[in-house]
Amino acid sequence: MTDPDAEFRWLDDVWAGEIYCASFVRDLTPREALTRFGTDASTIEEVTYGKVCERAVAGREASPRALPGYIGAVEVGGWTLIVEPLGWGAAGPDARARISRGTEIVVITRHDYSRQEFIHEIDGETITYFDLIAPELRWGSDPNRWVDAMREVGLDPDHDDSTGPHPEFAFANVFALASKVTGVRFSADMLARSFLGAETNEK
């Protein structure tokens, strides 16, 4: 078994907060990914990761619906990482289908008041979906595709409620799974790169 906690300890500095979404899209540039997401193309600009977070916080404070209205994207090893501080837009079925058209997307969502999700979708088809608090309850066209990888990173795909409570999970485990699905080794260095940021059409 790999040691996700050691490999992804840096996430503690960026995954803080109650709501966050990270998505990995294959073979799309950051600009293409932002466009498919549904951002306002006229607002696309080069920014730092820190500025993406600042704009998302400011957008949520100004939004009547408490939506951040700002996201960022950066290229990582043939994939584009989309970050949504305080958001969860890419987890929606319409957005996933739109972004994954002709390619694939892996979505990790943290939402302390709703679902914590792992989603793998190819060309608009959900391959594997599960809530992180119950990884044994999976659905999709191939819900067992990643069970071996889940075991390797410390997620239990075979939990039986009769044997006891669900084990605690860490987002490090989930990012380790995403790394196995995408073949990309994620590191804190990616957040030091220049991002493209844009305002979303939901505010």
Foldseek 3Di string as FASTA:
>chain_A
DDALCVQVVVVVVVVDDQKKKKKKWAQDAFLRLCVLLAFDNVFKDKDALVVQQVQQCVQLVPDPVSGSQKWKWHDFPRIIMIIGVVDDSCVDLVSLLSNQAVTKMWMAIGHNVDFGKTWIDHNSFTQWIDGQLQLLDIDTPHNCPCCVVLVVLPRHNDDDVVVDHGDDDDVSSVVSSVCVVVVTRDDPVRSRDIIIMGGHPHD
